[in-house]
Amino acid sequence: MKYQAEINVMPLKELLDPQGKAVVSGLKNLNLSAITDVRVGKHLSIIVEADNETDAREQIDTACNKLLANPVIEYYEYSLQALN
């Protein structure tokens, strides 16, 4: 069975996000000073083949923990949907 995972990888909330700060600065230059905080991360869409949802989640967790996210400075969250 195939599953589609939509994964968001973001910097840990406790850490400074220099990319986010740069975006806020750029927005202020565009007179959008009402926007006061931006966090920049990445979004990944992955198709995985697995026997069941539990196996698909294990594969996604392994991919995120070992390659897609750096657990020292980032966290991830995802949704999983079975494809027909």
Protein backbone atom coordinates (compact mmCIF):
# COMPACT_ATOMS: atom_id res chain seq x y z
CA MET A 1 0.00 0.00 0.00
CA LYS A 2 1.18 3.55 -0.69
CA TYR A 3 1.04 6.42 1.77
CA GLN A 4 1.73 10.11 1.32
CA ALA A 5 3.46 11.97 4.13
CA GLU A 6 3.43 15.76 4.34
CA ILE A 7 6.36 16.68 6.57
CA ASN A 8 7.22 20.04 8.12
CA VAL A 9 10.71 20.53 9.53
CA MET A 10 11.14 23.66 11.65
CA PRO A 11 13.83 25.15 13.87
CA LEU A 12 13.34 24.46 17.56
CA LYS A 13 11.27 27.19 19.19
CA GLU A 14 14.02 27.83 21.77
CA LEU A 15 16.59 28.69 19.09
CA LEU A 16 17.11 31.89 17.16
CA ASP A 17 16.00 31.60 13.53
CA PRO A 18 18.31 33.88 11.50
CA GLN A 19 16.40 33.23 8.25
CA GLY A 20 13.15 34.17 9.96
CA LYS A 21 14.70 37.38 11.32
CA ALA A 22 15.93 38.27 7.82
CA VAL A 23 12.41 37.76 6.43
CA VAL A 24 10.92 39.99 9.16
CA SER A 25 13.46 42.67 8.29
CA GLY A 26 12.55 42.43 4.61
CA LEU A 27 8.86 42.65 5.41
CA LYS A 28 9.44 45.79 7.47
CA ASN A 29 11.17 47.30 4.41
CA LEU A 30 7.91 46.59 2.53
CA ASN A 31 5.94 48.48 5.21
CA LEU A 32 4.55 45.24 6.62
CA SER A 33 5.62 45.98 10.19
CA ALA A 34 2.52 44.27 11.64
CA ILE A 35 4.28 40.95 10.89
CA THR A 36 6.58 40.59 13.88
CA ASP A 37 7.78 36.98 13.85
CA VAL A 38 8.61 34.51 11.10
CA ARG A 39 10.03 30.99 11.40
CA VAL A 40 11.54 29.50 8.24
CA GLY A 41 11.57 25.75 7.77
CA LYS A 42 11.05 23.24 5.01
CA HIS A 43 8.15 21.19 3.72
CA LEU A 44 8.59 17.74 2.18
CA SER A 45 6.04 15.53 0.46
CA ILE A 46 7.00 11.86 0.43
CA ILE A 47 5.34 8.74 -1.00
CA VAL A 48 6.18 5.57 0.92
CA GLU A 49 5.22 1.97 0.24
CA ALA A 50 4.44 0.00 3.38
CA ASP A 51 2.39 -2.99 4.54
CA ASN A 52 0.40 -0.85 6.98
CA GLU A 53 0.21 2.61 8.55
CA THR A 54 2.45 1.66 11.47
CA ASP A 55 5.21 0.55 9.11
CA ALA A 56 4.81 3.72 7.04
CA ARG A 57 5.11 5.87 10.18
CA GLU A 58 8.23 3.98 11.26
CA GLN A 59 9.82 4.63 7.86
CA ILE A 60 8.94 8.33 7.94
CA ASP A 61 10.24 8.68 11.50
CA THR A 62 13.50 6.99 10.53
CA ALA A 63 13.91 9.23 7.48
CA CYS A 64 13.25 12.35 9.54
CA ASN A 65 15.48 11.37 12.45
CA LYS A 66 18.41 10.20 10.33
CA LEU A 67 18.34 12.55 7.33
CA LEU A 68 15.57 15.10 6.90
CA ALA A 69 15.77 16.89 10.26
CA ASN A 70 18.67 17.71 12.53
CA PRO A 71 17.25 16.88 16.00
CA VAL A 72 19.81 19.17 17.68
CA ILE A 73 18.29 22.28 16.09
CA GLU A 74 15.04 21.16 14.41
CA TYR A 75 11.83 19.30 15.08
CA TYR A 76 9.45 17.70 12.61
CA GLU A 77 5.77 16.88 12.39
CA TYR A 78 3.84 15.16 9.66
CA SER A 79 0.49 13.91 8.48
CA LEU A 80 0.06 10.59 6.73
CA GLN A 81 -2.63 9.66 4.24
CA ALA A 82 -3.26 6.33 2.53
CA LEU A 83 -3.37 6.53 -1.26
CA ASN A 84 -5.66 4.37 -3.36
